[in-house]
Amino acid sequence: MSTDCIFCKIVAGEIPGDIVYQNEHVTAFRDINPIAPTHVLIIPNEHVESTETLREPDIAAALMLAPREVAAVEGLGESGYRLISNTGPDGRQEVMHLHIHLIGGRRMKYPIG
């Protein structure tokens, strides 16, 4: 855990987050600035900065399996959803803790949003 990371603080319960799913590897919570009716962030419980620094296969697997669980909780499994993960400054990663955006609740548009 990083002591100055807002996402680590949510996992630790130090600051509130609207958590919709959690297991030993990941936590999923609602984005505070949603771009769709459903906008959930899925993060590893362990501090991992980005896909560039992800080394643990268990965490990688958990991040790819969690969206299905979150979609089921949110009622999106059949209608579908979009997954987005930004990496680094040019990829527009704003919080330096690996996270996947799960967005849905309406038909997605392009450009993304």
Protein backbone atom coordinates (compact mmCIF):
# COMPACT_ATOMS: atom_id res chain seq x y z
CA MET A 1 0.00 0.00 0.00
CA SER A 2 1.16 3.49 -0.80
CA THR A 3 0.48 5.94 2.02
CA ASP A 4 -0.20 8.85 -0.35
CA CYS A 5 -2.37 6.99 -2.89
CA ILE A 6 -6.09 7.82 -2.78
CA PHE A 7 -7.04 4.40 -4.16
CA CYS A 8 -4.94 2.61 -1.51
CA LYS A 9 -6.74 4.67 1.12
CA ILE A 10 -10.12 3.53 -0.24
CA VAL A 11 -9.01 -0.12 -0.11
CA ALA A 12 -7.79 0.38 3.47
CA GLY A 13 -11.05 2.06 4.50
CA GLU A 14 -9.25 5.29 5.42
CA ILE A 15 -11.48 7.32 3.10
CA PRO A 16 -14.97 6.43 1.91
CA GLY A 17 -15.67 4.81 -1.41
CA ASP A 18 -18.94 3.44 -2.78
CA ILE A 19 -17.66 -0.15 -3.00
CA VAL A 20 -19.71 -2.48 -5.21
CA TYR A 21 -17.41 -5.53 -5.23
CA GLN A 22 -14.33 -6.70 -3.34
CA ASN A 23 -12.27 -9.87 -3.01
CA GLU A 24 -8.75 -10.68 -1.82
CA HIS A 25 -7.14 -9.20 -4.96
CA VAL A 26 -9.37 -6.34 -6.18
CA THR A 27 -11.79 -3.65 -5.08
CA ALA A 28 -14.43 -2.04 -7.29
CA PHE A 29 -16.09 1.26 -6.45
CA ARG A 30 -18.16 3.92 -8.20
CA ASP A 31 -16.29 6.70 -9.99
CA ILE A 32 -16.94 10.10 -8.41
CA ASN A 33 -17.18 11.69 -11.90
CA PRO A 34 -19.18 9.14 -13.92
CA ILE A 35 -19.32 9.39 -17.71
CA ALA A 36 -22.18 6.87 -18.02
CA PRO A 37 -25.06 5.66 -15.85
CA THR A 38 -22.74 2.95 -14.52
CA HIS A 39 -19.09 3.88 -14.03
CA VAL A 40 -17.09 1.67 -11.69
CA LEU A 41 -13.33 1.58 -11.11
CA ILE A 42 -11.72 -1.82 -10.55
CA ILE A 43 -8.33 -1.68 -8.83
CA PRO A 44 -5.84 -4.14 -7.39
CA ASN A 45 -5.84 -4.08 -3.58
CA GLU A 46 -2.04 -4.02 -3.72
CA HIS A 47 -0.50 -0.79 -5.03
CA VAL A 48 0.48 -1.32 -8.65
CA GLU A 49 1.14 1.88 -10.58
CA SER A 50 0.09 0.78 -14.07
CA THR A 51 0.06 -2.06 -16.57
CA GLU A 52 3.73 -1.24 -17.12
CA THR A 53 4.58 -2.26 -13.55
CA LEU A 54 2.12 -5.16 -13.17
CA ARG A 55 4.12 -8.35 -12.54
CA GLU A 56 1.85 -10.61 -10.46
CA PRO A 57 -0.16 -13.11 -12.54
CA ASP A 58 -2.75 -13.50 -9.76
CA ILE A 59 -3.46 -9.77 -9.77
CA ALA A 60 -3.60 -9.65 -13.57
CA ALA A 61 -6.06 -12.55 -13.63
CA ALA A 62 -8.19 -11.00 -10.90
CA LEU A 63 -8.37 -7.71 -12.82
CA MET A 64 -9.60 -9.49 -15.94
CA LEU A 65 -12.14 -11.65 -14.08
CA ALA A 66 -13.58 -8.96 -11.81
CA PRO A 67 -15.45 -7.04 -14.55
CA ARG A 68 -17.77 -10.00 -15.07
CA GLU A 69 -18.58 -10.01 -11.34
CA VAL A 70 -19.09 -6.24 -11.24
CA ALA A 71 -21.26 -6.36 -14.37
CA ALA A 72 -23.43 -9.01 -12.72
CA VAL A 73 -23.87 -6.86 -9.60
CA GLU A 74 -24.76 -3.87 -11.78
CA GLY A 75 -27.11 -5.82 -14.08
CA LEU A 76 -24.97 -5.30 -17.20
CA GLY A 77 -23.92 -8.86 -18.00
CA GLU A 78 -26.33 -9.35 -20.90
CA SER A 79 -26.54 -5.79 -22.25
CA GLY A 80 -22.77 -5.26 -22.22
CA TYR A 81 -20.27 -2.72 -21.01
CA ARG A 82 -16.95 -1.12 -21.92
CA LEU A 83 -13.61 -1.56 -20.17
CA ILE A 84 -10.94 1.16 -20.34
CA SER A 85 -7.52 1.30 -18.72
CA ASN A 86 -5.27 4.31 -19.23
CA THR A 87 -1.51 3.97 -18.75
CA GLY A 88 0.90 6.82 -18.13
CA PRO A 89 0.62 10.54 -18.83
CA ASP A 90 0.11 10.21 -22.60
CA GLY A 91 -2.54 7.56 -21.97
CA ARG A 92 -4.31 10.06 -19.66
CA GLN A 93 -3.81 8.06 -16.47
CA GLU A 94 -4.72 10.54 -13.73
CA VAL A 95 -4.31 8.37 -10.62
CA MET A 96 -1.07 6.39 -10.56
CA HIS A 97 -2.68 3.21 -9.27
CA LEU A 98 -3.67 0.70 -11.95
CA HIS A 99 -7.41 0.81 -12.55
CA ILE A 100 -9.95 -0.36 -15.07
CA HIS A 101 -13.02 1.73 -15.81
CA LEU A 102 -16.16 -0.35 -16.30
CA ILE A 103 -18.79 1.81 -17.96
CA GLY A 104 -22.27 0.88 -19.10
CA GLY A 105 -25.94 1.38 -18.57
CA ARG A 106 -26.47 2.72 -22.08
CA ARG A 107 -25.21 2.05 -25.59
CA MET A 108 -21.60 3.22 -25.78
CA LYS A 109 -20.51 5.90 -28.22
CA TYR A 110 -17.30 6.62 -30.01
CA PRO A 111 -15.26 8.60 -29.19
CA ILE A 112 -15.21 6.90 -25.84
CA GLY A 113 -17.66 8.24 -23.29
